[in-house]
C-alpha cells in the first residue's frame, strides 16, 4: 500500500525546503503504514482514481504499461496524494458529523 522508499531523495534535492517531505522522511515506516491503512475504502478509491488519472493509466489486460519517474517526482506525487487524502478525510468527517447532528435533531422530542 505505501512504500516509504518513495520519500528518499538524492543529495541535490530541490525539495530541500519542502517541510512536508522533510516531515514524512522523519516518520517511521510503521507510522506511515498505519496512517495509510486508516483511510476508508471510499477515500482510497478516490485517490487511486486521481493518481491513475495523473499517470494516464491504461487497462493492464490490454496494454503492457511501464512508467518511469524520478524519486523526486514520485515523492511529489505521493505528497499530493496524501494532501488529497487528508482533505477527503476531513470532508468525510464533516459529512459524518452533519449526519449525526441531523439524526440527533430528528430524534429530539418537542415537549410543547
PDB file of N, CA and C in Angstrom:
ATOM      1  N   UNK A   1       0.817  -1.187   0.000  1.00  0.00           N
ATOM      2  CA  UNK A   1       0.000   0.000   0.000  1.00  0.00           C
ATOM      3  C   UNK A   1       0.866   1.258   0.000  1.00  0.00           C
ATOM      4  N   UNK A   2       1.808   1.379   0.904  1.00  0.00           N
ATOM      5  CA  UNK A   2       2.656   2.563   0.993  1.00  0.00           C
ATOM      6  C   UNK A   2       4.107   2.136   1.086  1.00  0.00           C
ATOM      7  N   UNK A   3       4.939   2.673   0.225  1.00  0.00           N
ATOM      8  CA  UNK A   3       6.357   2.343   0.216  1.00  0.00           C
ATOM      9  C   UNK A   3       7.145   3.567   0.679  1.00  0.00           C
ATOM     10  N   UNK A   4       7.703   3.557   1.890  1.00  0.00           N
ATOM     11  CA  UNK A   4       8.416   4.721   2.403  1.00  0.00           C
ATOM     12  C   UNK A   4       9.681   5.058   1.624  1.00  0.00           C
ATOM     13  N   UNK A   5      10.182   4.139   0.794  1.00  0.00           N
ATOM     14  CA  UNK A   5      11.361   4.447  -0.015  1.00  0.00           C
ATOM     15  C   UNK A   5      11.087   5.547  -1.026  1.00  0.00           C
ATOM     16  N   UNK A   6       9.810   5.816  -1.328  1.00  0.00           N
ATOM     17  CA  UNK A   6       9.466   6.894  -2.239  1.00  0.00           C
ATOM     18  C   UNK A   6       9.893   8.247  -1.681  1.00  0.00           C
ATOM     19  N   UNK A   7      10.091   8.310  -0.379  1.00  0.00           N
ATOM     20  CA  UNK A   7      10.435   9.582   0.246  1.00  0.00           C
ATOM     21  C   UNK A   7      11.928   9.854   0.239  1.00  0.00           C
ATOM     22  N   UNK A   8      12.753   8.875  -0.107  1.00  0.00           N
ATOM     23  CA  UNK A   8      14.187   9.098  -0.155  1.00  0.00           C
ATOM     24  C   UNK A   8      14.535   9.807  -1.448  1.00  0.00           C
ATOM     25  N   UNK A   9      15.391  10.820  -1.328  1.00  0.00           N
ATOM     26  CA  UNK A   9      15.766  11.621  -2.494  1.00  0.00           C
ATOM     27  C   UNK A   9      17.275  11.772  -2.543  1.00  0.00           C
ATOM     28  N   UNK A  10      17.766  12.221  -3.688  1.00  0.00           N
ATOM     29  CA  UNK A  10      19.188  12.430  -3.861  1.00  0.00           C
ATOM     30  C   UNK A  10      19.646  13.649  -3.046  1.00  0.00           C
ATOM     31  N   UNK A  11      20.970  13.803  -2.895  1.00  0.00           N
ATOM     32  CA  UNK A  11      21.519  14.900  -2.105  1.00  0.00           C
ATOM     33  C   UNK A  11      21.204  16.274  -2.689  1.00  0.00           C
ATOM     34  N   UNK A  12      21.189  16.423  -4.003  1.00  0.00           N
ATOM     35  CA  UNK A  12      20.879  17.708  -4.611  1.00  0.00           C
ATOM     36  C   UNK A  12      19.369  17.823  -4.799  1.00  0.00           C
ATOM     37  N   UNK A  13      18.671  17.746  -3.694  1.00  0.00           N
ATOM     38  CA  UNK A  13      17.223  17.674  -3.670  1.00  0.00           C
ATOM     39  C   UNK A  13      16.582  19.045  -3.824  1.00  0.00           C
ATOM     40  N   UNK A  14      15.742  19.255  -4.863  1.00  0.00           N
ATOM     41  CA  UNK A  14      15.032  20.513  -4.979  1.00  0.00           C
ATOM     42  C   UNK A  14      13.944  20.663  -3.920  1.00  0.00           C
ATOM     43  N   UNK A  15      13.591  19.563  -3.224  1.00  0.00           N
ATOM     44  CA  UNK A  15      12.575  19.615  -2.179  1.00  0.00           C
ATOM     45  C   UNK A  15      13.175  19.903  -0.807  1.00  0.00           C
ATOM     46  N   UNK A  16      14.407  20.372  -0.790  1.00  0.00           N
ATOM     47  CA  UNK A  16      15.088  20.614   0.481  1.00  0.00           C
ATOM     48  C   UNK A  16      14.278  21.536   1.384  1.00  0.00           C
ATOM     49  N   UNK A  17      13.602  22.518   0.812  1.00  0.00           N
ATOM     50  CA  UNK A  17      12.788  23.428   1.603  1.00  0.00           C
ATOM     51  C   UNK A  17      11.365  22.961   1.787  1.00  0.00           C
ATOM     52  N   UNK A  18      11.012  21.769   1.302  1.00  0.00           N
ATOM     53  CA  UNK A  18       9.656  21.252   1.408  1.00  0.00           C
ATOM     54  C   UNK A  18       9.474  20.627   2.791  1.00  0.00           C
ATOM     55  N   UNK A  19       8.784  21.357   3.660  1.00  0.00           N
ATOM     56  CA  UNK A  19       8.607  20.911   5.042  1.00  0.00           C
ATOM     57  C   UNK A  19       7.829  19.600   5.140  1.00  0.00           C
ATOM     58  N   UNK A  20       6.845  19.406   4.262  1.00  0.00           N
ATOM     59  CA  UNK A  20       6.051  18.178   4.330  1.00  0.00           C
ATOM     60  C   UNK A  20       6.907  16.959   4.030  1.00  0.00           C
ATOM     61  N   UNK A  21       7.716  17.027   2.988  1.00  0.00           N
ATOM     62  CA  UNK A  21       8.567  15.875   2.642  1.00  0.00           C
ATOM     63  C   UNK A  21       9.590  15.629   3.748  1.00  0.00           C
ATOM     64  N   UNK A  22      10.154  16.684   4.304  1.00  0.00           N
ATOM     65  CA  UNK A  22      11.097  16.520   5.410  1.00  0.00           C
ATOM     66  C   UNK A  22      10.421  15.862   6.602  1.00  0.00           C
ATOM     67  N   UNK A  23       9.187  16.276   6.890  1.00  0.00           N
ATOM     68  CA  UNK A  23       8.440  15.680   7.998  1.00  0.00           C
ATOM     69  C   UNK A  23       8.170  14.196   7.732  1.00  0.00           C
ATOM     70  N   UNK A  24       7.742  13.886   6.500  1.00  0.00           N
ATOM     71  CA  UNK A  24       7.452  12.498   6.147  1.00  0.00           C
ATOM     72  C   UNK A  24       8.701  11.627   6.226  1.00  0.00           C
ATOM     73  N   UNK A  25       9.849  12.178   5.836  1.00  0.00           N
ATOM     74  CA  UNK A  25      11.098  11.423   5.880  1.00  0.00           C
ATOM     75  C   UNK A  25      11.495  11.066   7.308  1.00  0.00           C
ATOM     76  N   UNK A  26      11.059  11.855   8.280  1.00  0.00           N
ATOM     77  CA  UNK A  26      11.396  11.601   9.688  1.00  0.00           C
ATOM     78  C   UNK A  26      10.499  10.552  10.342  1.00  0.00           C
ATOM     79  N   UNK A  27       9.381  10.220   9.681  1.00  0.00           N
ATOM     80  CA  UNK A  27       8.436   9.272  10.266  1.00  0.00           C
ATOM     81  C   UNK A  27       8.896   7.839  10.041  1.00  0.00           C
ATOM     82  N   UNK A  28       8.553   6.977  10.978  1.00  0.00           N
ATOM     83  CA  UNK A  28       8.901   5.560  10.817  1.00  0.00           C
ATOM     84  C   UNK A  28       7.971   4.929   9.789  1.00  0.00           C
ATOM     85  N   UNK A  29       8.449   3.890   9.098  1.00  0.00           N
ATOM     86  CA  UNK A  29       7.583   3.199   8.130  1.00  0.00           C
ATOM     87  C   UNK A  29       6.303   2.660   8.765  1.00  0.00           C
ATOM     88  N   UNK A  30       6.370   2.252  10.034  1.00  0.00           N
ATOM     89  CA  UNK A  30       5.187   1.725  10.713  1.00  0.00           C
ATOM     90  C   UNK A  30       4.117   2.794  10.860  1.00  0.00           C
ATOM     91  N   UNK A  31       4.529   4.008  11.215  1.00  0.00           N
ATOM     92  CA  UNK A  31       3.577   5.115  11.364  1.00  0.00           C
ATOM     93  C   UNK A  31       2.924   5.426  10.024  1.00  0.00           C
ATOM     94  N   UNK A  32       3.729   5.476   8.979  1.00  0.00           N
ATOM     95  CA  UNK A  32       3.191   5.785   7.653  1.00  0.00           C
ATOM     96  C   UNK A  32       2.236   4.695   7.178  1.00  0.00           C
ATOM     97  N   UNK A  33       2.568   3.432   7.451  1.00  0.00           N
ATOM     98  CA  UNK A  33       1.677   2.325   7.084  1.00  0.00           C
ATOM     99  C   UNK A  33       0.352   2.431   7.822  1.00  0.00           C
ATOM    100  N   UNK A  34       0.414   2.712   9.126  1.00  0.00           N
ATOM    101  CA  UNK A  34      -0.800   2.793   9.943  1.00  0.00           C
ATOM    102  C   UNK A  34      -1.709   3.919   9.446  1.00  0.00           C
ATOM    103  N   UNK A  35      -1.108   5.053   9.104  1.00  0.00           N
ATOM    104  CA  UNK A  35      -1.904   6.172   8.598  1.00  0.00           C
ATOM    105  C   UNK A  35      -2.511   5.816   7.254  1.00  0.00           C
ATOM    106  N   UNK A  36      -1.735   5.194   6.384  1.00  0.00           N
ATOM    107  CA  UNK A  36      -2.245   4.825   5.062  1.00  0.00           C
ATOM    108  C   UNK A  36      -3.408   3.846   5.176  1.00  0.00           C
ATOM    109  N   UNK A  37      -3.323   2.911   6.114  1.00  0.00           N
ATOM    110  CA  UNK A  37      -4.383   1.914   6.274  1.00  0.00           C
ATOM    111  C   UNK A  37      -5.629   2.492   6.928  1.00  0.00           C
ATOM    112  N   UNK A  38      -5.514   3.644   7.581  1.00  0.00           N
ATOM    113  CA  UNK A  38      -6.662   4.211   8.288  1.00  0.00           C
ATOM    114  C   UNK A  38      -7.658   4.886   7.353  1.00  0.00           C
ATOM    115  N   UNK A  39      -7.279   5.110   6.106  1.00  0.00           N
ATOM    116  CA  UNK A  39      -8.194   5.741   5.150  1.00  0.00           C
ATOM    117  C   UNK A  39      -9.312   4.771   4.779  1.00  0.00           C
ATOM    118  N   UNK A  40     -10.512   5.302   4.647  1.00  0.00           N
ATOM    119  CA  UNK A  40     -11.654   4.457   4.274  1.00  0.00           C
ATOM    120  C   UNK A  40     -11.506   3.978   2.831  1.00  0.00           C
ATOM    121  N   UNK A  41     -12.279   2.967   2.485  1.00  0.00           N
ATOM    122  CA  UNK A  41     -12.256   2.433   1.115  1.00  0.00           C
ATOM    123  C   UNK A  41     -12.645   3.509   0.101  1.00  0.00           C
ATOM    124  N   UNK A  42     -13.614   4.359   0.477  1.00  0.00           N
ATOM    125  CA  UNK A  42     -14.044   5.429  -0.428  1.00  0.00           C
ATOM    126  C   UNK A  42     -12.900   6.387  -0.729  1.00  0.00           C
ATOM    127  N   UNK A  43     -12.164   6.781   0.301  1.00  0.00           N
ATOM    128  CA  UNK A  43     -11.041   7.697   0.119  1.00  0.00           C
ATOM    129  C   UNK A  43      -9.950   7.035  -0.701  1.00  0.00           C
ATOM    130  N   UNK A  44      -9.641   5.779  -0.407  1.00  0.00           N
ATOM    131  CA  UNK A  44      -8.618   5.073  -1.174  1.00  0.00           C
ATOM    132  C   UNK A  44      -8.996   4.996  -2.652  1.00  0.00           C
ATOM    133  N   UNK A  45     -10.269   4.765  -2.934  1.00  0.00           N
ATOM    134  CA  UNK A  45     -10.721   4.672  -4.331  1.00  0.00           C
ATOM    135  C   UNK A  45     -10.590   6.023  -5.041  1.00  0.00           C
ATOM    136  N   UNK A  46     -10.951   7.113  -4.368  1.00  0.00           N
ATOM    137  CA  UNK A  46     -10.838   8.441  -4.972  1.00  0.00           C
ATOM    138  C   UNK A  46      -9.377   8.764  -5.267  1.00  0.00           C
ATOM    139  N   UNK A  47      -8.499   8.486  -4.320  1.00  0.00           N
ATOM    140  CA  UNK A  47      -7.073   8.769  -4.525  1.00  0.00           C
ATOM    141  C   UNK A  47      -6.514   7.885  -5.630  1.00  0.00           C
ATOM    142  N   UNK A  48      -6.882   6.608  -5.651  1.00  0.00           N
ATOM    143  CA  UNK A  48      -6.424   5.702  -6.702  1.00  0.00           C
ATOM    144  C   UNK A  48      -6.860   6.225  -8.071  1.00  0.00           C
ATOM    145  N   UNK A  49      -8.096   6.646  -8.174  1.00  0.00           N
ATOM    146  CA  UNK A  49      -8.613   7.175  -9.432  1.00  0.00           C
ATOM    147  C   UNK A  49      -7.865   8.453  -9.821  1.00  0.00           C
ATOM    148  N   UNK A  50      -7.589   9.315  -8.845  1.00  0.00           N
ATOM    149  CA  UNK A  50      -6.876  10.563  -9.097  1.00  0.00           C
ATOM    150  C   UNK A  50      -5.450  10.301  -9.588  1.00  0.00           C
ATOM    151  N   UNK A  51      -4.736   9.413  -8.925  1.00  0.00           N
ATOM    152  CA  UNK A  51      -3.357   9.096  -9.319  1.00  0.00           C
ATOM    153  C   UNK A  51      -3.341   8.436 -10.690  1.00  0.00           C
ATOM    154  N   UNK A  52      -4.272   7.531 -10.936  1.00  0.00           N
ATOM    155  CA  UNK A  52      -4.343   6.899 -12.250  1.00  0.00           C
ATOM    156  C   UNK A  52      -4.611   7.933 -13.331  1.00  0.00           C
ATOM    157  N   UNK A  53      -5.450   8.912 -13.036  1.00  0.00           N
ATOM    158  CA  UNK A  53      -5.712   9.974 -13.992  1.00  0.00           C
ATOM    159  C   UNK A  53      -4.468  10.800 -14.267  1.00  0.00           C
ATOM    160  N   UNK A  54      -3.699  11.073 -13.217  1.00  0.00           N
ATOM    161  CA  UNK A  54      -2.467  11.845 -13.389  1.00  0.00           C
ATOM    162  C   UNK A  54      -1.431  11.068 -14.197  1.00  0.00           C
ATOM    163  N   UNK A  55      -1.371   9.764 -13.987  1.00  0.00           N
ATOM    164  CA  UNK A  55      -0.387   8.947 -14.687  1.00  0.00           C
ATOM    165  C   UNK A  55      -0.874   8.469 -16.048  1.00  0.00           C
ATOM    166  N   UNK A  56      -2.152   8.618 -16.326  1.00  0.00           N
ATOM    167  CA  UNK A  56      -2.692   8.167 -17.602  1.00  0.00           C
ATOM    168  C   UNK A  56      -2.709   6.661 -17.711  1.00  0.00           C
ATOM    169  N   UNK A  57      -3.251   5.996 -16.723  1.00  0.00           N
ATOM    170  CA  UNK A  57      -3.246   4.533 -16.695  1.00  0.00           C
ATOM    171  C   UNK A  57      -4.118   3.947 -17.799  1.00  0.00           C
ATOM    172  N   UNK A  58      -3.580   2.949 -18.457  1.00  0.00           N
ATOM    173  CA  UNK A  58      -4.308   2.181 -19.448  1.00  0.00           C
ATOM    174  C   UNK A  58      -4.646   0.824 -18.843  1.00  0.00           C
ATOM    175  N   UNK A  59      -5.700   0.177 -19.319  1.00  0.00           N
ATOM    176  CA  UNK A  59      -6.049  -1.127 -18.754  1.00  0.00           C
ATOM    177  C   UNK A  59      -4.916  -2.141 -18.925  1.00  0.00           C
ATOM    178  N   UNK A  60      -4.492  -2.747 -17.832  1.00  0.00           N
ATOM    179  CA  UNK A  60      -3.344  -3.661 -17.867  1.00  0.00           C
ATOM    180  C   UNK A  60      -3.624  -4.924 -18.676  1.00  0.00           C
ATOM    181  N   UNK A  61      -4.905  -5.306 -18.796  1.00  0.00           N
ATOM    182  CA  UNK A  61      -5.202  -6.511 -19.573  1.00  0.00           C
ATOM    183  C   UNK A  61      -5.029  -6.296 -21.073  1.00  0.00           C
ATOM    184  N   UNK A  62      -5.003  -5.041 -21.517  1.00  0.00           N
ATOM    185  CA  UNK A  62      -4.851  -4.746 -22.935  1.00  0.00           C
ATOM    186  C   UNK A  62      -3.507  -4.106 -23.285  1.00  0.00           C
ATOM    187  N   UNK A  63      -2.815  -3.553 -22.284  1.00  0.00           N
ATOM    188  CA  UNK A  63      -1.570  -2.843 -22.527  1.00  0.00           C
ATOM    189  C   UNK A  63      -0.519  -3.259 -21.503  1.00  0.00           C
ATOM    190  N   UNK A  64       0.719  -3.264 -21.931  1.00  0.00           N
ATOM    191  CA  UNK A  64       1.836  -3.520 -21.028  1.00  0.00           C
ATOM    192  C   UNK A  64       2.416  -2.157 -20.654  1.00  0.00           C
ATOM    193  N   UNK A  65       1.886  -1.563 -19.581  1.00  0.00           N
ATOM    194  CA  UNK A  65       2.222  -0.191 -19.204  1.00  0.00           C
ATOM    195  C   UNK A  65       3.417  -0.182 -18.267  1.00  0.00           C
ATOM    196  N   UNK A  66       4.411   0.661 -18.589  1.00  0.00           N
ATOM    197  CA  UNK A  66       5.564   0.878 -17.719  1.00  0.00           C
ATOM    198  C   UNK A  66       5.750   2.383 -17.586  1.00  0.00           C
ATOM    199  N   UNK A  67       5.893   2.828 -16.350  1.00  0.00           N
ATOM    200  CA  UNK A  67       6.077   4.247 -16.080  1.00  0.00           C
ATOM    201  C   UNK A  67       7.426   4.422 -15.417  1.00  0.00           C
ATOM    202  N   UNK A  68       8.215   5.347 -15.932  1.00  0.00           N
ATOM    203  CA  UNK A  68       9.481   5.676 -15.280  1.00  0.00           C
ATOM    204  C   UNK A  68       9.381   7.096 -14.756  1.00  0.00           C
ATOM    205  N   UNK A  69       9.977   7.292 -13.594  1.00  0.00           N
ATOM    206  CA  UNK A  69       9.864   8.593 -12.944  1.00  0.00           C
ATOM    207  C   UNK A  69      11.009   8.718 -11.939  1.00  0.00           C
ATOM    208  N   UNK A  70      11.453   9.933 -11.711  1.00  0.00           N
ATOM    209  CA  UNK A  70      12.493  10.143 -10.706  1.00  0.00           C
ATOM    210  C   UNK A  70      11.890  10.008  -9.309  1.00  0.00           C
ATOM    211  N   UNK A  71      12.739   9.757  -8.335  1.00  0.00           N
ATOM    212  CA  UNK A  71      12.273   9.650  -6.957  1.00  0.00           C
ATOM    213  C   UNK A  71      11.658  10.966  -6.494  1.00  0.00           C
ATOM    214  N   UNK A  72      12.225  12.074  -6.925  1.00  0.00           N
ATOM    215  CA  UNK A  72      11.692  13.373  -6.525  1.00  0.00           C
ATOM    216  C   UNK A  72      10.274  13.573  -7.044  1.00  0.00           C
ATOM    217  N   UNK A  73      10.043  13.232  -8.299  1.00  0.00           N
ATOM    218  CA  UNK A  73       8.708  13.400  -8.869  1.00  0.00           C
ATOM    219  C   UNK A  73       7.704  12.459  -8.222  1.00  0.00           C
ATOM    220  N   UNK A  74       8.122  11.238  -7.929  1.00  0.00           N
ATOM    221  CA  UNK A  74       7.204  10.302  -7.289  1.00  0.00           C
ATOM    222  C   UNK A  74       6.927  10.753  -5.855  1.00  0.00           C
ATOM    223  N   UNK A  75       7.923  11.346  -5.193  1.00  0.00           N
ATOM    224  CA  UNK A  75       7.713  11.890  -3.842  1.00  0.00           C
ATOM    225  C   UNK A  75       6.713  13.036  -3.889  1.00  0.00           C
ATOM    226  N   UNK A  76       6.803  13.866  -4.912  1.00  0.00           N
ATOM    227  CA  UNK A  76       5.841  14.965  -5.056  1.00  0.00           C
ATOM    228  C   UNK A  76       4.437  14.425  -5.315  1.00  0.00           C
ATOM    229  N   UNK A  77       4.337  13.384  -6.130  1.00  0.00           N
ATOM    230  CA  UNK A  77       3.048  12.765  -6.393  1.00  0.00           C
ATOM    231  C   UNK A  77       2.477  12.164  -5.111  1.00  0.00           C
ATOM    232  N   UNK A  78       3.320  11.515  -4.333  1.00  0.00           N
ATOM    233  CA  UNK A  78       2.892  10.942  -3.069  1.00  0.00           C
ATOM    234  C   UNK A  78       2.411  12.028  -2.115  1.00  0.00           C
ATOM    235  N   UNK A  79       3.160  13.120  -2.031  1.00  0.00           N
ATOM    236  CA  UNK A  79       2.753  14.226  -1.164  1.00  0.00           C
ATOM    237  C   UNK A  79       1.401  14.778  -1.589  1.00  0.00           C
ATOM    238  N   UNK A  80       1.212  14.919  -2.877  1.00  0.00           N
ATOM    239  CA  UNK A  80      -0.067  15.411  -3.396  1.00  0.00           C
ATOM    240  C   UNK A  80      -1.201  14.449  -3.040  1.00  0.00           C
ATOM    241  N   UNK A  81      -0.958  13.164  -3.200  1.00  0.00           N
ATOM    242  CA  UNK A  81      -1.978  12.174  -2.870  1.00  0.00           C
ATOM    243  C   UNK A  81      -2.296  12.197  -1.379  1.00  0.00           C
ATOM    244  N   UNK A  82      -1.278  12.391  -0.557  1.00  0.00           N
ATOM    245  CA  UNK A  82      -1.501  12.447   0.887  1.00  0.00           C
ATOM    246  C   UNK A  82      -2.323  13.672   1.269  1.00  0.00           C
ATOM    247  N   UNK A  83      -2.005  14.813   0.676  1.00  0.00           N
ATOM    248  CA  UNK A  83      -2.771  16.022   0.970  1.00  0.00           C
ATOM    249  C   UNK A  83      -4.221  15.850   0.519  1.00  0.00           C
ATOM    250  N   UNK A  84      -4.403  15.226  -0.632  1.00  0.00           N
ATOM    251  CA  UNK A  84      -5.763  14.938  -1.105  1.00  0.00           C
ATOM    252  C   UNK A  84      -6.468  14.025  -0.107  1.00  0.00           C
ATOM    253  N   UNK A  85      -5.747  13.035   0.392  1.00  0.00           N
ATOM    254  CA  UNK A  85      -6.318  12.120   1.379  1.00  0.00           C
ATOM    255  C   UNK A  85      -6.725  12.820   2.656  1.00  0.00           C
ATOM    256  N   UNK A  86      -5.876  13.713   3.158  1.00  0.00           N
ATOM    257  CA  UNK A  86      -6.224  14.460   4.367  1.00  0.00           C
ATOM    258  C   UNK A  86      -7.457  15.323   4.133  1.00  0.00           C
ATOM    259  N   UNK A  87      -7.524  15.981   2.975  1.00  0.00           N
ATOM    260  CA  UNK A  87      -8.681  16.802   2.651  1.00  0.00           C
ATOM    261  C   UNK A  87      -9.943  15.938   2.591  1.00  0.00           C
ATOM    262  N   UNK A  88      -9.849  14.806   1.884  1.00  0.00           N
ATOM    263  CA  UNK A  88     -11.007  13.934   1.763  1.00  0.00           C
ATOM    264  C   UNK A  88     -11.442  13.387   3.121  1.00  0.00           C
ATOM    265  N   UNK A  89     -10.480  13.062   3.976  1.00  0.00           N
ATOM    266  CA  UNK A  89     -10.824  12.559   5.317  1.00  0.00           C
ATOM    267  C   UNK A  89     -11.531  13.634   6.124  1.00  0.00           C
ATOM    268  N   UNK A  90     -11.085  14.881   6.015  1.00  0.00           N
ATOM    269  CA  UNK A  90     -11.769  15.969   6.724  1.00  0.00           C
ATOM    270  C   UNK A  90     -13.199  16.123   6.215  1.00  0.00           C
ATOM    271  N   UNK A  91     -13.382  16.011   4.908  1.00  0.00           N
ATOM    272  CA  UNK A  91     -14.723  16.122   4.342  1.00  0.00           C
ATOM    273  C   UNK A  91     -15.593  14.936   4.764  1.00  0.00           C
ATOM    274  N   UNK A  92     -14.990  13.764   4.844  1.00  0.00           N
ATOM    275  CA  UNK A  92     -15.725  12.582   5.297  1.00  0.00           C
ATOM    276  C   UNK A  92     -16.162  12.756   6.746  1.00  0.00           C
ATOM    277  N   UNK A  93     -15.268  13.277   7.591  1.00  0.00           N
ATOM    278  CA  UNK A  93     -15.611  13.516   8.993  1.00  0.00           C
ATOM    279  C   UNK A  93     -16.699  14.577   9.111  1.00  0.00           C
ATOM    280  N   UNK A  94     -16.626  15.612   8.271  1.00  0.00           N
ATOM    281  CA  UNK A  94     -17.652  16.649   8.297  1.00  0.00           C
ATOM    282  C   UNK A  94     -19.008  16.066   7.915  1.00  0.00           C
ATOM    283  N   UNK A  95     -19.028  15.226   6.874  1.00  0.00           N
ATOM    284  CA  UNK A  95     -20.270  14.582   6.443  1.00  0.00           C
ATOM    285  C   UNK A  95     -20.847  13.732   7.574  1.00  0.00           C
ATOM    286  N   UNK A  96     -19.982  12.961   8.249  1.00  0.00           N
ATOM    287  CA  UNK A  96     -20.437  12.120   9.352  1.00  0.00           C
ATOM    288  C   UNK A  96     -20.986  12.963  10.494  1.00  0.00           C
ATOM    289  N   UNK A  97     -20.318  14.072  10.786  1.00  0.00           N
ATOM    290  CA  UNK A  97     -20.780  14.962  11.847  1.00  0.00           C
ATOM    291  C   UNK A  97     -22.133  15.565  11.492  1.00  0.00           C
ATOM    292  N   UNK A  98     -22.286  16.024  10.254  1.00  0.00           N
ATOM    293  CA  UNK A  98     -23.567  16.591   9.829  1.00  0.00           C
ATOM    294  C   UNK A  98     -24.672  15.545   9.904  1.00  0.00           C
ATOM    295  N   UNK A  99     -24.367  14.314   9.489  1.00  0.00           N
ATOM    296  CA  UNK A  99     -25.373  13.249   9.561  1.00  0.00           C
ATOM    297  C   UNK A  99     -25.746  12.959  11.010  1.00  0.00           C
ATOM    298  N   UNK A 100     -24.758  12.936  11.911  1.00  0.00           N
ATOM    299  CA  UNK A 100     -25.035  12.687  13.324  1.00  0.00           C
ATOM    300  C   UNK A 100     -25.873  13.813  13.922  1.00  0.00           C
ATOM    301  N   UNK A 101     -25.539  15.047  13.568  1.00  0.00           N
ATOM    302  CA  UNK A 101     -26.314  16.178  14.076  1.00  0.00           C
ATOM    303  C   UNK A 101     -27.739  16.149  13.544  1.00  0.00           C
ATOM    304  N   UNK A 102     -27.894  15.796  12.273  1.00  0.00           N
ATOM    305  CA  UNK A 102     -29.223  15.698  11.681  1.00  0.00           C
ATOM    306  C   UNK A 102     -30.013  14.590  12.348  1.00  0.00           C
ATOM    307  N   UNK A 103     -29.380  13.466  12.589  1.00  0.00           N
ATOM    308  CA  UNK A 103     -30.061  12.361  13.266  1.00  0.00           C
ATOM    309  C   UNK A 103     -30.458  12.742  14.679  1.00  0.00           C
ATOM    310  N   UNK A 104     -29.578  13.432  15.396  1.00  0.00           N
ATOM    311  CA  UNK A 104     -29.907  13.878  16.754  1.00  0.00           C
ATOM    312  C   UNK A 104     -31.059  14.861  16.727  1.00  0.00           C
ATOM    313  N   UNK A 105     -31.075  15.750  15.755  1.00  0.00           N
ATOM    314  CA  UNK A 105     -32.145  16.729  15.627  1.00  0.00           C
ATOM    315  C   UNK A 105     -33.471  16.054  15.335  1.00  0.00           C
ATOM    316  N   UNK A 106     -33.446  15.035  14.478  1.00  0.00           N
ATOM    317  CA  UNK A 106     -34.654  14.292  14.133  1.00  0.00           C
ATOM    318  C   UNK A 106     -35.155  13.453  15.299  1.00  0.00           C
ATOM    319  N   UNK A 107     -34.265  13.057  16.203  1.00  0.00           N
ATOM    320  CA  UNK A 107     -34.667  12.213  17.331  1.00  0.00           C
ATOM    321  C   UNK A 107     -35.123  13.039  18.525  1.00  0.00           C
ATOM    322  N   UNK A 108     -34.847  14.344  18.512  1.00  0.00           N
ATOM    323  CA  UNK A 108     -35.233  15.154  19.667  1.00  0.00           C
ATOM    324  C   UNK A 108     -36.768  15.227  19.769  1.00  0.00           C
ATOM    325  N   UNK A 109     -37.226  15.278  20.966  1.00  0.00           N
ATOM    326  CA  UNK A 109     -38.669  15.305  21.227  1.00  0.00           C
ATOM    327  C   UNK A 109     -39.054  16.718  21.612  1.00  0.00           C
ATOM    328  N   UNK A 110     -40.094  17.235  20.972  1.00  0.00           N
ATOM    329  CA  UNK A 110     -40.589  18.561  21.306  1.00  0.00           C
ATOM    330  C   UNK A 110     -41.551  18.404  22.480  1.00  0.00           C
ATOM    331  N   UNK A 111     -41.230  19.036  23.605  1.00  0.00           N
ATOM    332  CA  UNK A 111     -42.022  18.875  24.830  1.00  0.00           C
ATOM    333  C   UNK A 111     -43.233  19.810  24.878  1.00  0.00           C
ATOM    334  N   UNK A 112     -43.450  20.646  23.895  1.00  0.00           N
ATOM    335  CA  UNK A 112     -44.597  21.563  23.892  1.00  0.00           C
ATOM    336  C   UNK A 112     -45.882  20.884  23.580  1.00  0.00           C
TER     337      UNK A 112
END
